[in-house]
Amino acid sequence: SIVVTVLTSFTIGFLLFLFFLFFRERLA
């Protein structure tokens, strides 16, 4: 359960990481 939860949360976090890294000041 630890492995599944960590991987699921990390996948969502990685997608958000790419999103905010790409849009940068445009989100402001």
mmCIF file of all heavy atoms, coordinates in Angstrom:
data_MODEL
# 
_entry.id   MODEL 
# 
loop_
_atom_site.group_PDB 
_atom_site.id 
_atom_site.type_symbol 
_atom_site.label_atom_id 
_atom_site.label_alt_id 
_atom_site.label_comp_id 
_atom_site.label_asym_id 
_atom_site.label_entity_id 
_atom_site.label_seq_id 
_atom_site.pdbx_PDB_ins_code 
_atom_site.Cartn_x 
_atom_site.Cartn_y 
_atom_site.Cartn_z 
_atom_site.occupancy 
_atom_site.B_iso_or_equiv 
_atom_site.pdbx_formal_charge 
_atom_site.auth_seq_id 
_atom_site.auth_comp_id 
_atom_site.auth_asym_id 
_atom_site.auth_atom_id 
_atom_site.pdbx_PDB_model_num 
ATOM 1   N N   . SER A 1 1  ? 0.834  -1.212 0.000   1.00 0.00 ? 1  SER A N   1 
ATOM 2   C CA  . SER A 1 1  ? 0.000  0.000  0.000   1.00 0.00 ? 1  SER A CA  1 
ATOM 3   C C   . SER A 1 1  ? 0.869  1.262  0.000   1.00 0.00 ? 1  SER A C   1 
ATOM 4   O O   . SER A 1 1  ? 0.523  2.262  -0.645  1.00 0.00 ? 1  SER A O   1 
ATOM 5   C CB  . SER A 1 1  ? -0.938 0.001  1.212   1.00 0.00 ? 1  SER A CB  1 
ATOM 6   O OG  . SER A 1 1  ? -0.226 0.217  2.416   1.00 0.00 ? 1  SER A OG  1 
ATOM 7   N N   . ILE A 1 2  ? 2.015  1.203  0.692   1.00 0.00 ? 2  ILE A N   1 
ATOM 8   C CA  . ILE A 1 2  ? 2.938  2.342  0.705   1.00 0.00 ? 2  ILE A CA  1 
ATOM 9   C C   . ILE A 1 2  ? 3.472  2.607  -0.705  1.00 0.00 ? 2  ILE A C   1 
ATOM 10  O O   . ILE A 1 2  ? 3.472  3.751  -1.178  1.00 0.00 ? 2  ILE A O   1 
ATOM 11  C CB  . ILE A 1 2  ? 4.111  2.097  1.679   1.00 0.00 ? 2  ILE A CB  1 
ATOM 12  C CG1 . ILE A 1 2  ? 3.606  2.020  3.119   1.00 0.00 ? 2  ILE A CG1 1 
ATOM 13  C CG2 . ILE A 1 2  ? 5.163  3.198  1.554   1.00 0.00 ? 2  ILE A CG2 1 
ATOM 14  C CD1 . ILE A 1 2  ? 4.638  1.506  4.102   1.00 0.00 ? 2  ILE A CD1 1 
ATOM 15  N N   . VAL A 1 3  ? 3.899  1.537  -1.379  1.00 0.00 ? 3  VAL A N   1 
ATOM 16  C CA  . VAL A 1 3  ? 4.458  1.684  -2.735  1.00 0.00 ? 3  VAL A CA  1 
ATOM 17  C C   . VAL A 1 3  ? 3.428  2.264  -3.690  1.00 0.00 ? 3  VAL A C   1 
ATOM 18  O O   . VAL A 1 3  ? 3.706  3.208  -4.445  1.00 0.00 ? 3  VAL A O   1 
ATOM 19  C CB  . VAL A 1 3  ? 4.958  0.312  -3.256  1.00 0.00 ? 3  VAL A CB  1 
ATOM 20  C CG1 . VAL A 1 3  ? 5.373  0.418  -4.720  1.00 0.00 ? 3  VAL A CG1 1 
ATOM 21  C CG2 . VAL A 1 3  ? 6.131  -0.179 -2.420  1.00 0.00 ? 3  VAL A CG2 1 
ATOM 22  N N   . VAL A 1 4  ? 2.197  1.741  -3.654  1.00 0.00 ? 4  VAL A N   1 
ATOM 23  C CA  . VAL A 1 4  ? 1.136  2.199  -4.571  1.00 0.00 ? 4  VAL A CA  1 
ATOM 24  C C   . VAL A 1 4  ? 0.785  3.663  -4.302  1.00 0.00 ? 4  VAL A C   1 
ATOM 25  O O   . VAL A 1 4  ? 0.669  4.469  -5.233  1.00 0.00 ? 4  VAL A O   1 
ATOM 26  C CB  . VAL A 1 4  ? -0.115 1.305  -4.439  1.00 0.00 ? 4  VAL A CB  1 
ATOM 27  C CG1 . VAL A 1 4  ? -1.294 1.906  -5.224  1.00 0.00 ? 4  VAL A CG1 1 
ATOM 28  C CG2 . VAL A 1 4  ? 0.175  -0.100 -4.946  1.00 0.00 ? 4  VAL A CG2 1 
ATOM 29  N N   . THR A 1 5  ? 0.646  4.032  -3.025  1.00 0.00 ? 5  THR A N   1 
ATOM 30  C CA  . THR A 1 5  ? 0.271  5.409  -2.683  1.00 0.00 ? 5  THR A CA  1 
ATOM 31  C C   . THR A 1 5  ? 1.375  6.398  -3.044  1.00 0.00 ? 5  THR A C   1 
ATOM 32  O O   . THR A 1 5  ? 1.104  7.463  -3.602  1.00 0.00 ? 5  THR A O   1 
ATOM 33  C CB  . THR A 1 5  ? -0.056 5.519  -1.177  1.00 0.00 ? 5  THR A CB  1 
ATOM 34  O OG1 . THR A 1 5  ? -0.997 4.518  -0.816  1.00 0.00 ? 5  THR A OG1 1 
ATOM 35  C CG2 . THR A 1 5  ? -0.652 6.885  -0.848  1.00 0.00 ? 5  THR A CG2 1 
ATOM 36  N N   . VAL A 1 6  ? 2.626  6.042  -2.739  1.00 0.00 ? 6  VAL A N   1 
ATOM 37  C CA  . VAL A 1 6  ? 3.750  6.930  -3.065  1.00 0.00 ? 6  VAL A CA  1 
ATOM 38  C C   . VAL A 1 6  ? 3.855  7.126  -4.573  1.00 0.00 ? 6  VAL A C   1 
ATOM 39  O O   . VAL A 1 6  ? 4.012  8.262  -5.053  1.00 0.00 ? 6  VAL A O   1 
ATOM 40  C CB  . VAL A 1 6  ? 5.080  6.374  -2.500  1.00 0.00 ? 6  VAL A CB  1 
ATOM 41  C CG1 . VAL A 1 6  ? 6.263  7.136  -3.080  1.00 0.00 ? 6  VAL A CG1 1 
ATOM 42  C CG2 . VAL A 1 6  ? 5.100  6.484  -0.980  1.00 0.00 ? 6  VAL A CG2 1 
ATOM 43  N N   . LEU A 1 7  ? 3.772  6.052  -5.347  1.00 0.00 ? 7  LEU A N   1 
ATOM 44  C CA  . LEU A 1 7  ? 3.895  6.153  -6.807  1.00 0.00 ? 7  LEU A CA  1 
ATOM 45  C C   . LEU A 1 7  ? 2.743  6.958  -7.411  1.00 0.00 ? 7  LEU A C   1 
ATOM 46  O O   . LEU A 1 7  ? 2.947  7.755  -8.332  1.00 0.00 ? 7  LEU A O   1 
ATOM 47  C CB  . LEU A 1 7  ? 3.956  4.761  -7.433  1.00 0.00 ? 7  LEU A CB  1 
ATOM 48  C CG  . LEU A 1 7  ? 5.257  3.975  -7.203  1.00 0.00 ? 7  LEU A CG  1 
ATOM 49  C CD1 . LEU A 1 7  ? 5.168  2.585  -7.820  1.00 0.00 ? 7  LEU A CD1 1 
ATOM 50  C CD2 . LEU A 1 7  ? 6.457  4.730  -7.769  1.00 0.00 ? 7  LEU A CD2 1 
ATOM 51  N N   . THR A 1 8  ? 1.528  6.756  -6.905  1.00 0.00 ? 8  THR A N   1 
ATOM 52  C CA  . THR A 1 8  ? 0.375  7.510  -7.416  1.00 0.00 ? 8  THR A CA  1 
ATOM 53  C C   . THR A 1 8  ? 0.528  9.002  -7.131  1.00 0.00 ? 8  THR A C   1 
ATOM 54  O O   . THR A 1 8  ? 0.345  9.845  -8.019  1.00 0.00 ? 8  THR A O   1 
ATOM 55  C CB  . THR A 1 8  ? -0.930 6.994  -6.781  1.00 0.00 ? 8  THR A CB  1 
ATOM 56  O OG1 . THR A 1 8  ? -1.047 5.588  -6.999  1.00 0.00 ? 8  THR A OG1 1 
ATOM 57  C CG2 . THR A 1 8  ? -2.140 7.698  -7.374  1.00 0.00 ? 8  THR A CG2 1 
ATOM 58  N N   . SER A 1 9  ? 0.863  9.314  -5.885  1.00 0.00 ? 9  SER A N   1 
ATOM 59  C CA  . SER A 1 9  ? 1.034  10.719 -5.502  1.00 0.00 ? 9  SER A CA  1 
ATOM 60  C C   . SER A 1 9  ? 2.196  11.359 -6.260  1.00 0.00 ? 9  SER A C   1 
ATOM 61  O O   . SER A 1 9  ? 2.108  12.508 -6.718  1.00 0.00 ? 9  SER A O   1 
ATOM 62  C CB  . SER A 1 9  ? 1.273  10.815 -3.994  1.00 0.00 ? 9  SER A CB  1 
ATOM 63  O OG  . SER A 1 9  ? 1.374  12.155 -3.586  1.00 0.00 ? 9  SER A OG  1 
ATOM 64  N N   . PHE A 1 10 ? 3.295  10.619 -6.413  1.00 0.00 ? 10 PHE A N   1 
ATOM 65  C CA  . PHE A 1 10 ? 4.467  11.148 -7.124  1.00 0.00 ? 10 PHE A CA  1 
ATOM 66  C C   . PHE A 1 10 ? 4.151  11.409 -8.597  1.00 0.00 ? 10 PHE A C   1 
ATOM 67  O O   . PHE A 1 10 ? 4.609  12.409 -9.168  1.00 0.00 ? 10 PHE A O   1 
ATOM 68  C CB  . PHE A 1 10 ? 5.635  10.165 -7.017  1.00 0.00 ? 10 PHE A CB  1 
ATOM 69  C CG  . PHE A 1 10 ? 6.873  10.627 -7.754  1.00 0.00 ? 10 PHE A CG  1 
ATOM 70  C CD1 . PHE A 1 10 ? 7.699  11.599 -7.205  1.00 0.00 ? 10 PHE A CD1 1 
ATOM 71  C CD2 . PHE A 1 10 ? 7.196  10.092 -8.996  1.00 0.00 ? 10 PHE A CD2 1 
ATOM 72  C CE1 . PHE A 1 10 ? 8.832  12.035 -7.892  1.00 0.00 ? 10 PHE A CE1 1 
ATOM 73  C CE2 . PHE A 1 10 ? 8.330  10.512 -9.683  1.00 0.00 ? 10 PHE A CE2 1 
ATOM 74  C CZ  . PHE A 1 10 ? 9.143  11.491 -9.128  1.00 0.00 ? 10 PHE A CZ  1 
ATOM 75  N N   . THR A 1 11 ? 3.364  10.543 -9.217  1.00 0.00 ? 11 THR A N   1 
ATOM 76  C CA  . THR A 1 11 ? 2.988  10.734 -10.623 1.00 0.00 ? 11 THR A CA  1 
ATOM 77  C C   . THR A 1 11 ? 2.208  12.036 -10.810 1.00 0.00 ? 11 THR A C   1 
ATOM 78  O O   . THR A 1 11 ? 2.484  12.827 -11.721 1.00 0.00 ? 11 THR A O   1 
ATOM 79  C CB  . THR A 1 11 ? 2.142  9.547  -11.125 1.00 0.00 ? 11 THR A CB  1 
ATOM 80  O OG1 . THR A 1 11 ? 2.900  8.343  -10.978 1.00 0.00 ? 11 THR A OG1 1 
ATOM 81  C CG2 . THR A 1 11 ? 1.750  9.732  -12.582 1.00 0.00 ? 11 THR A CG2 1 
ATOM 82  N N   . ILE A 1 12 ? 1.234  12.264 -9.924  1.00 0.00 ? 12 ILE A N   1 
ATOM 83  C CA  . ILE A 1 12 ? 0.455  13.513 -9.980  1.00 0.00 ? 12 ILE A CA  1 
ATOM 84  C C   . ILE A 1 12 ? 1.368  14.712 -9.715  1.00 0.00 ? 12 ILE A C   1 
ATOM 85  O O   . ILE A 1 12 ? 1.301  15.743 -10.406 1.00 0.00 ? 12 ILE A O   1 
ATOM 86  C CB  . ILE A 1 12 ? -0.703 13.473 -8.963  1.00 0.00 ? 12 ILE A CB  1 
ATOM 87  C CG1 . ILE A 1 12 ? -1.709 12.394 -9.373  1.00 0.00 ? 12 ILE A CG1 1 
ATOM 88  C CG2 . ILE A 1 12 ? -1.389 14.835 -8.858  1.00 0.00 ? 12 ILE A CG2 1 
ATOM 89  C CD1 . ILE A 1 12 ? -2.782 12.130 -8.347  1.00 0.00 ? 12 ILE A CD1 1 
ATOM 90  N N   . GLY A 1 13 ? 2.259  14.581 -8.735  1.00 0.00 ? 13 GLY A N   1 
ATOM 91  C CA  . GLY A 1 13 ? 3.193  15.662 -8.413  1.00 0.00 ? 13 GLY A CA  1 
ATOM 92  C C   . GLY A 1 13 ? 4.133  15.976 -9.563  1.00 0.00 ? 13 GLY A C   1 
ATOM 93  O O   . GLY A 1 13 ? 4.444  17.144 -9.827  1.00 0.00 ? 13 GLY A O   1 
ATOM 94  N N   . PHE A 1 14 ? 4.586  14.938 -10.268 1.00 0.00 ? 14 PHE A N   1 
ATOM 95  C CA  . PHE A 1 14 ? 5.506  15.138 -11.396 1.00 0.00 ? 14 PHE A CA  1 
ATOM 96  C C   . PHE A 1 14 ? 4.816  15.870 -12.548 1.00 0.00 ? 14 PHE A C   1 
ATOM 97  O O   . PHE A 1 14 ? 5.422  16.739 -13.191 1.00 0.00 ? 14 PHE A O   1 
ATOM 98  C CB  . PHE A 1 14 ? 6.047  13.791 -11.873 1.00 0.00 ? 14 PHE A CB  1 
ATOM 99  C CG  . PHE A 1 14 ? 7.087  13.905 -12.954 1.00 0.00 ? 14 PHE A CG  1 
ATOM 100 C CD1 . PHE A 1 14 ? 8.352  14.401 -12.671 1.00 0.00 ? 14 PHE A CD1 1 
ATOM 101 C CD2 . PHE A 1 14 ? 6.792  13.525 -14.258 1.00 0.00 ? 14 PHE A CD2 1 
ATOM 102 C CE1 . PHE A 1 14 ? 9.317  14.521 -13.671 1.00 0.00 ? 14 PHE A CE1 1 
ATOM 103 C CE2 . PHE A 1 14 ? 7.748  13.631 -15.262 1.00 0.00 ? 14 PHE A CE2 1 
ATOM 104 C CZ  . PHE A 1 14 ? 9.010  14.136 -14.960 1.00 0.00 ? 14 PHE A CZ  1 
ATOM 105 N N   . LEU A 1 15 ? 3.556  15.548 -12.813 1.00 0.00 ? 15 LEU A N   1 
ATOM 106 C CA  . LEU A 1 15 ? 2.795  16.243 -13.859 1.00 0.00 ? 15 LEU A CA  1 
ATOM 107 C C   . LEU A 1 15 ? 2.610  17.717 -13.505 1.00 0.00 ? 15 LEU A C   1 
ATOM 108 O O   . LEU A 1 15 ? 2.750  18.603 -14.361 1.00 0.00 ? 15 LEU A O   1 
ATOM 109 C CB  . LEU A 1 15 ? 1.437  15.563 -14.066 1.00 0.00 ? 15 LEU A CB  1 
ATOM 110 C CG  . LEU A 1 15 ? 1.473  14.141 -14.659 1.00 0.00 ? 15 LEU A CG  1 
ATOM 111 C CD1 . LEU A 1 15 ? 0.082  13.531 -14.673 1.00 0.00 ? 15 LEU A CD1 1 
ATOM 112 C CD2 . LEU A 1 15 ? 2.063  14.158 -16.066 1.00 0.00 ? 15 LEU A CD2 1 
ATOM 113 N N   . LEU A 1 16 ? 2.303  17.984 -12.233 1.00 0.00 ? 16 LEU A N   1 
ATOM 114 C CA  . LEU A 1 16 ? 2.166  19.381 -11.787 1.00 0.00 ? 16 LEU A CA  1 
ATOM 115 C C   . LEU A 1 16 ? 3.512  20.099 -11.824 1.00 0.00 ? 16 LEU A C   1 
ATOM 116 O O   . LEU A 1 16 ? 3.583  21.298 -12.130 1.00 0.00 ? 16 LEU A O   1 
ATOM 117 C CB  . LEU A 1 16 ? 1.576  19.418 -10.373 1.00 0.00 ? 16 LEU A CB  1 
ATOM 118 C CG  . LEU A 1 16 ? 0.113  18.972 -10.246 1.00 0.00 ? 16 LEU A CG  1 
ATOM 119 C CD1 . LEU A 1 16 ? -0.282 18.871 -8.780  1.00 0.00 ? 16 LEU A CD1 1 
ATOM 120 C CD2 . LEU A 1 16 ? -0.806 19.942 -10.973 1.00 0.00 ? 16 LEU A CD2 1 
ATOM 121 N N   . PHE A 1 17 ? 4.583  19.394 -11.503 1.00 0.00 ? 17 PHE A N   1 
ATOM 122 C CA  . PHE A 1 17 ? 5.940  19.932 -11.580 1.00 0.00 ? 17 PHE A CA  1 
ATOM 123 C C   . PHE A 1 17 ? 6.230  20.435 -13.002 1.00 0.00 ? 17 PHE A C   1 
ATOM 124 O O   . PHE A 1 17 ? 6.707  21.557 -13.200 1.00 0.00 ? 17 PHE A O   1 
ATOM 125 C CB  . PHE A 1 17 ? 6.932  18.843 -11.172 1.00 0.00 ? 17 PHE A CB  1 
ATOM 126 C CG  . PHE A 1 17 ? 8.365  19.111 -11.532 1.00 0.00 ? 17 PHE A CG  1 
ATOM 127 C CD1 . PHE A 1 17 ? 9.153  19.944 -10.759 1.00 0.00 ? 17 PHE A CD1 1 
ATOM 128 C CD2 . PHE A 1 17 ? 8.928  18.512 -12.659 1.00 0.00 ? 17 PHE A CD2 1 
ATOM 129 C CE1 . PHE A 1 17 ? 10.482 20.186 -11.092 1.00 0.00 ? 17 PHE A CE1 1 
ATOM 130 C CE2 . PHE A 1 17 ? 10.256 18.749 -13.005 1.00 0.00 ? 17 PHE A CE2 1 
ATOM 131 C CZ  . PHE A 1 17 ? 11.031 19.591 -12.216 1.00 0.00 ? 17 PHE A CZ  1 
ATOM 132 N N   . LEU A 1 18 ? 5.934  19.626 -13.999 1.00 0.00 ? 18 LEU A N   1 
ATOM 133 C CA  . LEU A 1 18 ? 6.145  20.015 -15.397 1.00 0.00 ? 18 LEU A CA  1 
ATOM 134 C C   . LEU A 1 18 ? 5.246  21.186 -15.794 1.00 0.00 ? 18 LEU A C   1 
ATOM 135 O O   . LEU A 1 18 ? 5.673  22.109 -16.501 1.00 0.00 ? 18 LEU A O   1 
ATOM 136 C CB  . LEU A 1 18 ? 5.885  18.826 -16.320 1.00 0.00 ? 18 LEU A CB  1 
ATOM 137 C CG  . LEU A 1 18 ? 6.843  17.626 -16.186 1.00 0.00 ? 18 LEU A CG  1 
ATOM 138 C CD1 . LEU A 1 18 ? 6.394  16.485 -17.084 1.00 0.00 ? 18 LEU A CD1 1 
ATOM 139 C CD2 . LEU A 1 18 ? 8.286  18.039 -16.509 1.00 0.00 ? 18 LEU A CD2 1 
ATOM 140 N N   . PHE A 1 19 ? 3.999  21.156 -15.324 1.00 0.00 ? 19 PHE A N   1 
ATOM 141 C CA  . PHE A 1 19 ? 3.034  22.213 -15.661 1.00 0.00 ? 19 PHE A CA  1 
ATOM 142 C C   . PHE A 1 19 ? 3.505  23.577 -15.175 1.00 0.00 ? 19 PHE A C   1 
ATOM 143 O O   . PHE A 1 19 ? 3.539  24.550 -15.935 1.00 0.00 ? 19 PHE A O   1 
ATOM 144 C CB  . PHE A 1 19 ? 1.672  21.858 -15.049 1.00 0.00 ? 19 PHE A CB  1 
ATOM 145 C CG  . PHE A 1 19 ? 0.607  22.894 -15.281 1.00 0.00 ? 19 PHE A CG  1 
ATOM 146 C CD1 . PHE A 1 19 ? -0.086 22.933 -16.477 1.00 0.00 ? 19 PHE A CD1 1 
ATOM 147 C CD2 . PHE A 1 19 ? 0.305  23.823 -14.292 1.00 0.00 ? 19 PHE A CD2 1 
ATOM 148 C CE1 . PHE A 1 19 ? -1.070 23.892 -16.693 1.00 0.00 ? 19 PHE A CE1 1 
ATOM 149 C CE2 . PHE A 1 19 ? -0.679 24.780 -14.494 1.00 0.00 ? 19 PHE A CE2 1 
ATOM 150 C CZ  . PHE A 1 19 ? -1.371 24.816 -15.702 1.00 0.00 ? 19 PHE A CZ  1 
ATOM 151 N N   . PHE A 1 20 ? 3.877  23.664 -13.897 1.00 0.00 ? 20 PHE A N   1 
ATOM 152 C CA  . PHE A 1 20 ? 4.285  24.958 -13.334 1.00 0.00 ? 20 PHE A CA  1 
ATOM 153 C C   . PHE A 1 20 ? 5.665  25.384 -13.829 1.00 0.00 ? 20 PHE A C   1 
ATOM 154 O O   . PHE A 1 20 ? 5.956  26.581 -13.907 1.00 0.00 ? 20 PHE A O   1 
ATOM 155 C CB  . PHE A 1 20 ? 4.253  24.898 -11.803 1.00 0.00 ? 20 PHE A CB  1 
ATOM 156 C CG  . PHE A 1 20 ? 2.859  24.866 -11.241 1.00 0.00 ? 20 PHE A CG  1 
ATOM 157 C CD1 . PHE A 1 20 ? 2.348  23.703 -10.678 1.00 0.00 ? 20 PHE A CD1 1 
ATOM 158 C CD2 . PHE A 1 20 ? 2.049  25.986 -11.306 1.00 0.00 ? 20 PHE A CD2 1 
ATOM 159 C CE1 . PHE A 1 20 ? 1.061  23.669 -10.178 1.00 0.00 ? 20 PHE A CE1 1 
ATOM 160 C CE2 . PHE A 1 20 ? 0.749  25.956 -10.802 1.00 0.00 ? 20 PHE A CE2 1 
ATOM 161 C CZ  . PHE A 1 20 ? 0.261  24.794 -10.242 1.00 0.00 ? 20 PHE A CZ  1 
ATOM 162 N N   . LEU A 1 21 ? 6.501  24.426 -14.175 1.00 0.00 ? 21 LEU A N   1 
ATOM 163 C CA  . LEU A 1 21 ? 7.808  24.755 -14.727 1.00 0.00 ? 21 LEU A CA  1 
ATOM 164 C C   . LEU A 1 21 ? 7.671  25.343 -16.132 1.00 0.00 ? 21 LEU A C   1 
ATOM 165 O O   . LEU A 1 21 ? 8.446  26.217 -16.536 1.00 0.00 ? 21 LEU A O   1 
ATOM 166 C CB  . LEU A 1 21 ? 8.680  23.498 -14.771 1.00 0.00 ? 21 LEU A CB  1 
ATOM 167 C CG  . LEU A 1 21 ? 10.190 23.683 -14.888 1.00 0.00 ? 21 LEU A CG  1 
ATOM 168 C CD1 . LEU A 1 21 ? 10.742 24.467 -13.698 1.00 0.00 ? 21 LEU A CD1 1 
ATOM 169 C CD2 . LEU A 1 21 ? 10.879 22.327 -14.979 1.00 0.00 ? 21 LEU A CD2 1 
ATOM 170 N N   . PHE A 1 22 ? 6.673  24.887 -16.867 1.00 0.00 ? 22 PHE A N   1 
ATOM 171 C CA  . PHE A 1 22 ? 6.474  25.339 -18.243 1.00 0.00 ? 22 PHE A CA  1 
ATOM 172 C C   . PHE A 1 22 ? 5.784  26.709 -18.289 1.00 0.00 ? 22 PHE A C   1 
ATOM 173 O O   . PHE A 1 22 ? 6.201  27.599 -19.025 1.00 0.00 ? 22 PHE A O   1 
ATOM 174 C CB  . PHE A 1 22 ? 5.639  24.312 -19.020 1.00 0.00 ? 22 PHE A CB  1 
ATOM 175 C CG  . PHE A 1 22 ? 5.301  24.736 -20.417 1.00 0.00 ? 22 PHE A CG  1 
ATOM 176 C CD1 . PHE A 1 22 ? 6.263  24.702 -21.424 1.00 0.00 ? 22 PHE A CD1 1 
ATOM 177 C CD2 . PHE A 1 22 ? 4.027  25.186 -20.727 1.00 0.00 ? 22 PHE A CD2 1 
ATOM 178 C CE1 . PHE A 1 22 ? 5.949  25.103 -22.721 1.00 0.00 ? 22 PHE A CE1 1 
ATOM 179 C CE2 . PHE A 1 22 ? 3.703  25.590 -22.012 1.00 0.00 ? 22 PHE A CE2 1 
ATOM 180 C CZ  . PHE A 1 22 ? 4.665  25.548 -23.012 1.00 0.00 ? 22 PHE A CZ  1 
ATOM 181 N N   . PHE A 1 23 ? 4.730  26.916 -17.485 1.00 0.00 ? 23 PHE A N   1 
ATOM 182 C CA  . PHE A 1 23 ? 3.950  28.149 -17.581 1.00 0.00 ? 23 PHE A CA  1 
ATOM 183 C C   . PHE A 1 23 ? 4.565  29.323 -16.815 1.00 0.00 ? 23 PHE A C   1 
ATOM 184 O O   . PHE A 1 23 ? 4.317  30.477 -17.145 1.00 0.00 ? 23 PHE A O   1 
ATOM 185 C CB  . PHE A 1 23 ? 2.516  27.905 -17.102 1.00 0.00 ? 23 PHE A CB  1 
ATOM 186 C CG  . PHE A 1 23 ? 1.666  27.195 -18.113 1.00 0.00 ? 23 PHE A CG  1 
ATOM 187 C CD1 . PHE A 1 23 ? 1.449  25.827 -18.015 1.00 0.00 ? 23 PHE A CD1 1 
ATOM 188 C CD2 . PHE A 1 23 ? 1.111  27.874 -19.170 1.00 0.00 ? 23 PHE A CD2 1 
ATOM 189 C CE1 . PHE A 1 23 ? 0.682  25.160 -18.948 1.00 0.00 ? 23 PHE A CE1 1 
ATOM 190 C CE2 . PHE A 1 23 ? 0.335  27.223 -20.119 1.00 0.00 ? 23 PHE A CE2 1 
ATOM 191 C CZ  . PHE A 1 23 ? 0.114  25.854 -20.003 1.00 0.00 ? 23 PHE A CZ  1 
ATOM 192 N N   . ARG A 1 24 ? 5.319  29.049 -15.767 1.00 0.00 ? 24 ARG A N   1 
ATOM 193 C CA  . ARG A 1 24 ? 6.088  30.063 -15.047 1.00 0.00 ? 24 ARG A CA  1 
ATOM 194 C C   . ARG A 1 24 ? 5.294  31.347 -14.780 1.00 0.00 ? 24 ARG A C   1 
ATOM 195 O O   . ARG A 1 24 ? 4.213  31.306 -14.187 1.00 0.00 ? 24 ARG A O   1 
ATOM 196 C CB  . ARG A 1 24 ? 7.405  30.350 -15.780 1.00 0.00 ? 24 ARG A CB  1 
ATOM 197 C CG  . ARG A 1 24 ? 8.318  29.123 -15.864 1.00 0.00 ? 24 ARG A CG  1 
ATOM 198 C CD  . ARG A 1 24 ? 9.494  29.360 -16.776 1.00 0.00 ? 24 ARG A CD  1 
ATOM 199 N NE  . ARG A 1 24 ? 10.424 30.310 -16.185 1.00 0.00 ? 24 ARG A NE  1 
ATOM 200 C CZ  . ARG A 1 24 ? 11.458 29.963 -15.419 1.00 0.00 ? 24 ARG A CZ  1 
ATOM 201 N NH1 . ARG A 1 24 ? 11.679 28.698 -15.144 1.00 0.00 ? 24 ARG A NH1 1 
ATOM 202 N NH2 . ARG A 1 24 ? 12.263 30.875 -14.922 1.00 0.00 ? 24 ARG A NH2 1 
ATOM 203 N N   . GLU A 1 25 ? 5.809  32.525 -15.264 1.00 0.00 ? 25 GLU A N   1 
ATOM 204 C CA  . GLU A 1 25 ? 5.191  33.823 -14.931 1.00 0.00 ? 25 GLU A CA  1 
ATOM 205 C C   . GLU A 1 25 ? 3.806  34.008 -15.548 1.00 0.00 ? 25 GLU A C   1 
ATOM 206 O O   . GLU A 1 25 ? 3.038  34.855 -15.096 1.00 0.00 ? 25 GLU A O   1 
ATOM 207 C CB  . GLU A 1 25 ? 6.095  34.988 -15.346 1.00 0.00 ? 25 GLU A CB  1 
ATOM 208 C CG  . GLU A 1 25 ? 6.254  35.187 -16.850 1.00 0.00 ? 25 GLU A CG  1 
ATOM 209 C CD  . GLU A 1 25 ? 7.372  34.314 -17.415 1.00 0.00 ? 25 GLU A CD  1 
ATOM 210 O OE1 . GLU A 1 25 ? 8.014  33.589 -16.636 1.00 0.00 ? 25 GLU A OE1 1 
ATOM 211 O OE2 . GLU A 1 25 ? 7.590  34.381 -18.630 1.00 0.00 ? 25 GLU A OE2 1 
ATOM 212 N N   . ARG A 1 26 ? 3.457  33.214 -16.568 1.00 0.00 ? 26 ARG A N   1 
ATOM 213 C CA  . ARG A 1 26 ? 2.141  33.358 -17.190 1.00 0.00 ? 26 ARG A CA  1 
ATOM 214 C C   . ARG A 1 26 ? 1.021  33.056 -16.195 1.00 0.00 ? 26 ARG A C   1 
ATOM 215 O O   . ARG A 1 26 ? -0.074 33.622 -16.296 1.00 0.00 ? 26 ARG A O   1 
ATOM 216 C CB  . ARG A 1 26 ? 2.031  32.427 -18.407 1.00 0.00 ? 26 ARG A CB  1 
ATOM 217 C CG  . ARG A 1 26 ? 2.668  33.001 -19.665 1.00 0.00 ? 26 ARG A CG  1 
ATOM 218 C CD  . ARG A 1 26 ? 2.812  31.976 -20.761 1.00 0.00 ? 26 ARG A CD  1 
ATOM 219 N NE  . ARG A 1 26 ? 3.940  31.082 -20.512 1.00 0.00 ? 26 ARG A NE  1 
ATOM 220 C CZ  . ARG A 1 26 ? 4.388  30.180 -21.377 1.00 0.00 ? 26 ARG A CZ  1 
ATOM 221 N NH1 . ARG A 1 26 ? 3.782  30.041 -22.553 1.00 0.00 ? 26 ARG A NH1 1 
ATOM 222 N NH2 . ARG A 1 26 ? 5.418  29.419 -21.094 1.00 0.00 ? 26 ARG A NH2 1 
ATOM 223 N N   . LEU A 1 27 ? 1.283  32.168 -15.246 1.00 0.00 ? 27 LEU A N   1 
ATOM 224 C CA  . LEU A 1 27 ? 0.282  31.869 -14.215 1.00 0.00 ? 27 LEU A CA  1 
ATOM 225 C C   . LEU A 1 27 ? 0.071  33.040 -13.256 1.00 0.00 ? 27 LEU A C   1 
ATOM 226 O O   . LEU A 1 27 ? -1.004 33.195 -12.686 1.00 0.00 ? 27 LEU A O   1 
ATOM 227 C CB  . LEU A 1 27 ? 0.715  30.638 -13.418 1.00 0.00 ? 27 LEU A CB  1 
ATOM 228 C CG  . LEU A 1 27 ? 0.600  29.286 -14.125 1.00 0.00 ? 27 LEU A CG  1 
ATOM 229 C CD1 . LEU A 1 27 ? 1.291  28.219 -13.310 1.00 0.00 ? 27 LEU A CD1 1 
ATOM 230 C CD2 . LEU A 1 27 ? -0.853 28.926 -14.344 1.00 0.00 ? 27 LEU A CD2 1 
ATOM 231 N N   . ALA A 1 28 ? 1.105  33.864 -13.093 1.00 0.00 ? 28 ALA A N   1 
ATOM 232 C CA  . ALA A 1 28 ? 1.027  34.966 -12.136 1.00 0.00 ? 28 ALA A CA  1 
ATOM 233 C C   . ALA A 1 28 ? -0.037 35.984 -12.516 1.00 0.00 ? 28 ALA A C   1 
ATOM 234 O O   . ALA A 1 28 ? -0.622 36.647 -11.648 1.00 0.00 ? 28 ALA A O   1 
ATOM 235 C CB  . ALA A 1 28 ? 2.380  35.655 -12.020 1.00 0.00 ? 28 ALA A CB  1 
# 
